[in-house]
Amino acid sequence: HNSKDLLGAGGASLISWLKSVKSKGLVSKVGVSIYSKSELNSIDLDAIDIVQLPVSIYNQSLILDGTIKLLKDYDIEIHARSIFMQGLIIRTPEFWPEFISSEFKNHHGNIVRKANEAGISMLDLSIQFINQIECIDVAIVGVDNLPQLSSILTSQRKFVDISEFRQSLAWTLSN
């Protein structure tokens, strides 16, 4: 689960072992979970079938820095995680933790207002953003209960035009 396991001492042995269990049919795909493009620098991408990475309406860094395109060039499946940022995106900013900057909370508040004015829920905005990224193969979500799962599945099945939001969504540390 931690890409650093492939980079440290024994990383080459681990890759070799993963290739062997795949060749024996014990697993069908081998994957790695990353946070940044730099984690891919020393990984044999030809040995990887899946990369799990964070992507959300606010965290678009791995799209913008070319990571997703690089992975697709290697024909690697992309599994997006943290699409709701551990639930923060679907909550209003007054319920966000204190350690999050007021600038980020204000950005989120502006997006929530804009979405409300357009009649789009933050759940729909988040899911549609991921759905409309052609290179993402799977979105990984966590749920607390059946009604949440039902809401996510309902949102997944619809199409919502989010083009008016695209330019204003991303949040970076430089904001």
C-alpha atoms as a PDB file:
ATOM      1  CA  HIS A   1       0.000   0.000   0.000  1.00  0.00           C
ATOM      2  CA  ASN A   2       2.926   2.339   0.620  1.00  0.00           C
ATOM      3  CA  SER A   3       4.986   3.132  -2.479  1.00  0.00           C
ATOM      4  CA  LYS A   4       8.026   3.704  -0.269  1.00  0.00           C
ATOM      5  CA  ASP A   5       8.126  -0.077   0.247  1.00  0.00           C
ATOM      6  CA  LEU A   6       9.153  -0.356  -3.408  1.00  0.00           C
ATOM      7  CA  LEU A   7      11.824   2.329  -3.138  1.00  0.00           C
ATOM      8  CA  GLY A   8      13.827   1.288  -0.103  1.00  0.00           C
ATOM      9  CA  ALA A   9      16.024  -1.664   0.683  1.00  0.00           C
ATOM     10  CA  GLY A  10      14.368  -4.765  -0.665  1.00  0.00           C
ATOM     11  CA  GLY A  11      12.203  -2.826  -3.121  1.00  0.00           C
ATOM     12  CA  ALA A  12      13.615  -4.676  -6.149  1.00  0.00           C
ATOM     13  CA  SER A  13      13.003  -8.001  -4.398  1.00  0.00           C
ATOM     14  CA  LEU A  14       9.434  -6.982  -3.624  1.00  0.00           C
ATOM     15  CA  ILE A  15       8.787  -6.061  -7.274  1.00  0.00           C
ATOM     16  CA  SER A  16      10.305  -9.374  -8.357  1.00  0.00           C
ATOM     17  CA  TRP A  17       8.078 -11.269  -5.917  1.00  0.00           C
ATOM     18  CA  LEU A  18       4.973  -9.351  -7.061  1.00  0.00           C
ATOM     19  CA  LYS A  19       5.769 -10.217 -10.682  1.00  0.00           C
ATOM     20  CA  SER A  20       6.170 -13.884  -9.734  1.00  0.00           C
ATOM     21  CA  VAL A  21       2.835 -14.136  -7.886  1.00  0.00           C
ATOM     22  CA  LYS A  22       1.160 -12.477 -10.845  1.00  0.00           C
ATOM     23  CA  SER A  23       2.818 -14.828 -13.355  1.00  0.00           C
ATOM     24  CA  LYS A  24       1.651 -17.791 -11.230  1.00  0.00           C
ATOM     25  CA  GLY A  25      -1.922 -16.500 -11.418  1.00  0.00           C
ATOM     26  CA  LEU A  26      -2.170 -15.894  -7.673  1.00  0.00           C
ATOM     27  CA  VAL A  27      -3.120 -12.280  -8.332  1.00  0.00           C
ATOM     28  CA  SER A  28      -4.407 -10.709 -11.520  1.00  0.00           C
ATOM     29  CA  LYS A  29      -3.111  -7.183 -10.983  1.00  0.00           C
ATOM     30  CA  VAL A  30      -0.385  -5.477  -8.999  1.00  0.00           C
ATOM     31  CA  GLY A  31      -0.796  -1.934  -7.811  1.00  0.00           C
ATOM     32  CA  VAL A  32       0.662   0.824  -5.734  1.00  0.00           C
ATOM     33  CA  SER A  33      -0.795   3.756  -3.831  1.00  0.00           C
ATOM     34  CA  ILE A  34       0.850   7.163  -4.249  1.00  0.00           C
ATOM     35  CA  TYR A  35       0.474  10.748  -3.102  1.00  0.00           C
ATOM     36  CA  SER A  36       2.818  12.481  -5.550  1.00  0.00           C
ATOM     37  CA  LYS A  37       4.447  12.028  -8.950  1.00  0.00           C
ATOM     38  CA  SER A  38       7.908  11.846  -7.383  1.00  0.00           C
ATOM     39  CA  GLU A  39       6.991   8.483  -5.840  1.00  0.00           C
ATOM     40  CA  LEU A  40       6.909   7.012  -9.367  1.00  0.00           C
ATOM     41  CA  ASN A  41      10.477   8.038 -10.223  1.00  0.00           C
ATOM     42  CA  SER A  42      12.116   4.821  -9.039  1.00  0.00           C
ATOM     43  CA  ILE A  43       9.256   2.398  -9.641  1.00  0.00           C
ATOM     44  CA  ASP A  44       9.299   0.030 -12.612  1.00  0.00           C
ATOM     45  CA  LEU A  45       5.999   1.134 -14.142  1.00  0.00           C
ATOM     46  CA  ASP A  46       6.023  -1.863 -16.470  1.00  0.00           C
ATOM     47  CA  ALA A  47       5.492  -4.010 -13.360  1.00  0.00           C
ATOM     48  CA  ILE A  48       2.462  -2.027 -12.157  1.00  0.00           C
ATOM     49  CA  ASP A  49      -1.116  -2.537 -13.338  1.00  0.00           C
ATOM     50  CA  ILE A  50      -2.953  -0.125 -11.031  1.00  0.00           C
ATOM     51  CA  VAL A  51      -2.083   3.134  -9.311  1.00  0.00           C
ATOM     52  CA  GLN A  52      -4.333   4.468  -6.581  1.00  0.00           C
ATOM     53  CA  LEU A  53      -4.019   8.220  -6.108  1.00  0.00           C
ATOM     54  CA  PRO A  54      -5.831  11.183  -4.574  1.00  0.00           C
ATOM     55  CA  VAL A  55      -7.976  13.274  -6.912  1.00  0.00           C
ATOM     56  CA  SER A  56     -10.813  15.633  -6.080  1.00  0.00           C
ATOM     57  CA  ILE A  57     -12.366  18.862  -7.261  1.00  0.00           C
ATOM     58  CA  TYR A  58      -9.798  20.652  -5.102  1.00  0.00           C
ATOM     59  CA  ASN A  59      -6.813  18.321  -5.430  1.00  0.00           C
ATOM     60  CA  GLN A  60      -6.032  18.222  -9.131  1.00  0.00           C
ATOM     61  CA  SER A  61      -2.251  18.240  -8.767  1.00  0.00           C
ATOM     62  CA  LEU A  62      -1.718  14.782 -10.287  1.00  0.00           C
ATOM     63  CA  ILE A  63      -3.792  15.786 -13.301  1.00  0.00           C
ATOM     64  CA  LEU A  64      -2.050  19.121 -13.759  1.00  0.00           C
ATOM     65  CA  ASP A  65       1.493  17.788 -13.331  1.00  0.00           C
ATOM     66  CA  GLY A  66       1.012  15.080 -15.984  1.00  0.00           C
ATOM     67  CA  THR A  67       1.025  12.088 -13.629  1.00  0.00           C
ATOM     68  CA  ILE A  68      -2.273  10.713 -14.880  1.00  0.00           C
ATOM     69  CA  LYS A  69      -1.200  11.069 -18.506  1.00  0.00           C
ATOM     70  CA  LEU A  70       2.113   9.342 -17.743  1.00  0.00           C
ATOM     71  CA  LEU A  71       0.297   6.423 -16.119  1.00  0.00           C
ATOM     72  CA  LYS A  72      -2.069   6.088 -19.062  1.00  0.00           C
ATOM     73  CA  ASP A  73       0.919   6.095 -21.424  1.00  0.00           C
ATOM     74  CA  TYR A  74       2.009   2.945 -19.546  1.00  0.00           C
ATOM     75  CA  ASP A  75      -1.558   1.553 -19.820  1.00  0.00           C
ATOM     76  CA  ILE A  76      -1.930   1.607 -16.031  1.00  0.00           C
ATOM     77  CA  GLU A  77      -5.385   1.623 -14.438  1.00  0.00           C
ATOM     78  CA  ILE A  78      -6.060   4.694 -12.334  1.00  0.00           C
ATOM     79  CA  HIS A  79      -8.098   4.378  -9.171  1.00  0.00           C
ATOM     80  CA  ALA A  80      -9.035   7.745  -7.699  1.00  0.00           C
ATOM     81  CA  ARG A  81      -9.308   7.994  -3.927  1.00  0.00           C
ATOM     82  CA  SER A  82     -10.120  10.871  -1.581  1.00  0.00           C
ATOM     83  CA  ILE A  83     -12.653  12.244  -4.054  1.00  0.00           C
ATOM     84  CA  PHE A  84     -14.596  13.766  -1.148  1.00  0.00           C
ATOM     85  CA  MET A  85     -11.435  14.600   0.852  1.00  0.00           C
ATOM     86  CA  GLN A  86     -12.555  12.323   3.694  1.00  0.00           C
ATOM     87  CA  GLY A  87     -16.029  13.877   3.544  1.00  0.00           C
ATOM     88  CA  LEU A  88     -14.972  17.521   3.820  1.00  0.00           C
ATOM     89  CA  ILE A  89     -16.155  18.465   0.330  1.00  0.00           C
ATOM     90  CA  ILE A  90     -19.737  17.474   1.041  1.00  0.00           C
ATOM     91  CA  ARG A  91     -19.787  19.456   4.279  1.00  0.00           C
ATOM     92  CA  THR A  92     -20.160  23.197   4.608  1.00  0.00           C
ATOM     93  CA  PRO A  93     -17.002  25.053   5.694  1.00  0.00           C
ATOM     94  CA  GLU A  94     -18.268  25.848   9.194  1.00  0.00           C
ATOM     95  CA  PHE A  95     -18.002  22.124   9.954  1.00  0.00           C
ATOM     96  CA  TRP A  96     -14.396  21.874   8.772  1.00  0.00           C
ATOM     97  CA  PRO A  97     -11.625  21.400  11.370  1.00  0.00           C
ATOM     98  CA  GLU A  98      -9.875  24.435  12.812  1.00  0.00           C
ATOM     99  CA  PHE A  99      -6.480  23.522  11.327  1.00  0.00           C
ATOM    100  CA  ILE A 100      -7.736  24.146   7.772  1.00  0.00           C
ATOM    101  CA  SER A 101      -6.927  27.644   6.594  1.00  0.00           C
ATOM    102  CA  SER A 102      -9.631  30.278   6.451  1.00  0.00           C
ATOM    103  CA  GLU A 103      -8.638  30.896   2.813  1.00  0.00           C
ATOM    104  CA  PHE A 104      -9.415  27.282   1.904  1.00  0.00           C
ATOM    105  CA  LYS A 105     -12.669  27.406   3.893  1.00  0.00           C
ATOM    106  CA  ASN A 106     -13.626  30.590   2.014  1.00  0.00           C
ATOM    107  CA  HIS A 107     -12.797  28.930  -1.323  1.00  0.00           C
ATOM    108  CA  HIS A 108     -14.985  25.971  -0.392  1.00  0.00           C
ATOM    109  CA  GLY A 109     -17.781  28.290   0.756  1.00  0.00           C
ATOM    110  CA  ASN A 110     -17.679  30.074  -2.608  1.00  0.00           C
ATOM    111  CA  ILE A 111     -17.874  26.785  -4.501  1.00  0.00           C
ATOM    112  CA  VAL A 112     -20.762  25.591  -2.293  1.00  0.00           C
ATOM    113  CA  ARG A 113     -22.671  28.836  -2.979  1.00  0.00           C
ATOM    114  CA  LYS A 114     -22.000  28.628  -6.718  1.00  0.00           C
ATOM    115  CA  ALA A 115     -23.118  24.982  -6.787  1.00  0.00           C
ATOM    116  CA  ASN A 116     -26.259  25.771  -4.800  1.00  0.00           C
ATOM    117  CA  GLU A 117     -27.107  28.604  -7.201  1.00  0.00           C
ATOM    118  CA  ALA A 118     -26.731  26.166 -10.108  1.00  0.00           C
ATOM    119  CA  GLY A 119     -28.838  23.532  -8.306  1.00  0.00           C
ATOM    120  CA  ILE A 120     -25.923  21.093  -8.048  1.00  0.00           C
ATOM    121  CA  SER A 121     -25.048  19.281  -4.845  1.00  0.00           C
ATOM    122  CA  MET A 122     -21.430  19.025  -3.761  1.00  0.00           C
ATOM    123  CA  LEU A 123     -21.823  15.243  -3.962  1.00  0.00           C
ATOM    124  CA  ASP A 124     -22.879  15.530  -7.611  1.00  0.00           C
ATOM    125  CA  LEU A 125     -20.134  18.046  -8.351  1.00  0.00           C
ATOM    126  CA  SER A 126     -17.480  15.770  -6.838  1.00  0.00           C
ATOM    127  CA  ILE A 127     -18.661  12.617  -8.570  1.00  0.00           C
ATOM    128  CA  GLN A 128     -19.250  14.272 -11.923  1.00  0.00           C
ATOM    129  CA  PHE A 129     -15.793  15.823 -11.799  1.00  0.00           C
ATOM    130  CA  ILE A 130     -14.268  12.343 -11.443  1.00  0.00           C
ATOM    131  CA  ASN A 131     -16.658  10.821 -14.008  1.00  0.00           C
ATOM    132  CA  GLN A 132     -15.659  13.409 -16.572  1.00  0.00           C
ATOM    133  CA  ILE A 133     -11.941  12.666 -16.312  1.00  0.00           C
ATOM    134  CA  GLU A 134     -11.583  10.150 -19.097  1.00  0.00           C
ATOM    135  CA  CYS A 135      -8.389   8.600 -17.720  1.00  0.00           C
ATOM    136  CA  ILE A 136      -9.816   7.596 -14.345  1.00  0.00           C
ATOM    137  CA  ASP A 137     -10.970   3.995 -14.364  1.00  0.00           C
ATOM    138  CA  VAL A 138     -12.332   3.599 -10.828  1.00  0.00           C
ATOM    139  CA  ALA A 139     -13.391   5.879  -7.988  1.00  0.00           C
ATOM    140  CA  ILE A 140     -12.932   4.546  -4.475  1.00  0.00           C
ATOM    141  CA  VAL A 141     -15.395   5.893  -1.922  1.00  0.00           C
ATOM    142  CA  GLY A 142     -16.057   5.244   1.715  1.00  0.00           C
ATOM    143  CA  VAL A 143     -19.533   5.128   3.166  1.00  0.00           C
ATOM    144  CA  ASP A 144     -20.937   5.082   6.680  1.00  0.00           C
ATOM    145  CA  ASN A 145     -24.371   3.683   5.891  1.00  0.00           C
ATOM    146  CA  LEU A 146     -26.731   2.424   3.204  1.00  0.00           C
ATOM    147  CA  PRO A 147     -28.397   5.819   2.521  1.00  0.00           C
ATOM    148  CA  GLN A 148     -24.954   7.324   1.775  1.00  0.00           C
ATOM    149  CA  LEU A 149     -24.164   4.496  -0.620  1.00  0.00           C
ATOM    150  CA  SER A 150     -27.534   4.948  -2.294  1.00  0.00           C
ATOM    151  CA  SER A 151     -26.914   8.691  -2.736  1.00  0.00           C
ATOM    152  CA  ILE A 152     -23.485   8.047  -4.244  1.00  0.00           C
ATOM    153  CA  LEU A 153     -24.852   5.447  -6.657  1.00  0.00           C
ATOM    154  CA  THR A 154     -27.700   7.778  -7.692  1.00  0.00           C
ATOM    155  CA  SER A 155     -25.220  10.578  -8.311  1.00  0.00           C
ATOM    156  CA  GLN A 156     -22.933   8.239 -10.253  1.00  0.00           C
ATOM    157  CA  ARG A 157     -25.729   7.375 -12.685  1.00  0.00           C
ATOM    158  CA  LYS A 158     -26.619  10.936 -13.648  1.00  0.00           C
ATOM    159  CA  PHE A 159     -24.876  13.459 -15.834  1.00  0.00           C
ATOM    160  CA  VAL A 160     -24.447  16.987 -14.552  1.00  0.00           C
ATOM    161  CA  ASP A 161     -22.720  19.616 -16.673  1.00  0.00           C
ATOM    162  CA  ILE A 162     -19.985  21.056 -14.475  1.00  0.00           C
ATOM    163  CA  SER A 163     -18.123  22.949 -17.203  1.00  0.00           C
ATOM    164  CA  GLU A 164     -18.855  26.318 -15.592  1.00  0.00           C
ATOM    165  CA  PHE A 165     -17.028  25.165 -12.443  1.00  0.00           C
ATOM    166  CA  ARG A 166     -13.853  23.719 -13.957  1.00  0.00           C
ATOM    167  CA  GLN A 167     -11.766  26.893 -13.883  1.00  0.00           C
ATOM    168  CA  SER A 168     -12.613  27.789 -10.286  1.00  0.00           C
ATOM    169  CA  LEU A 169     -12.369  24.445  -8.488  1.00  0.00           C
ATOM    170  CA  ALA A 170      -8.711  23.558  -7.953  1.00  0.00           C
ATOM    171  CA  TRP A 171      -7.025  24.565  -4.728  1.00  0.00           C
ATOM    172  CA  THR A 172      -3.275  24.643  -4.417  1.00  0.00           C
ATOM    173  CA  LEU A 173      -0.916  25.502  -1.610  1.00  0.00           C
ATOM    174  CA  SER A 174      -0.005  28.660  -3.505  1.00  0.00           C
ATOM    175  CA  ASN A 175      -3.586  29.998  -3.181  1.00  0.00           C
END
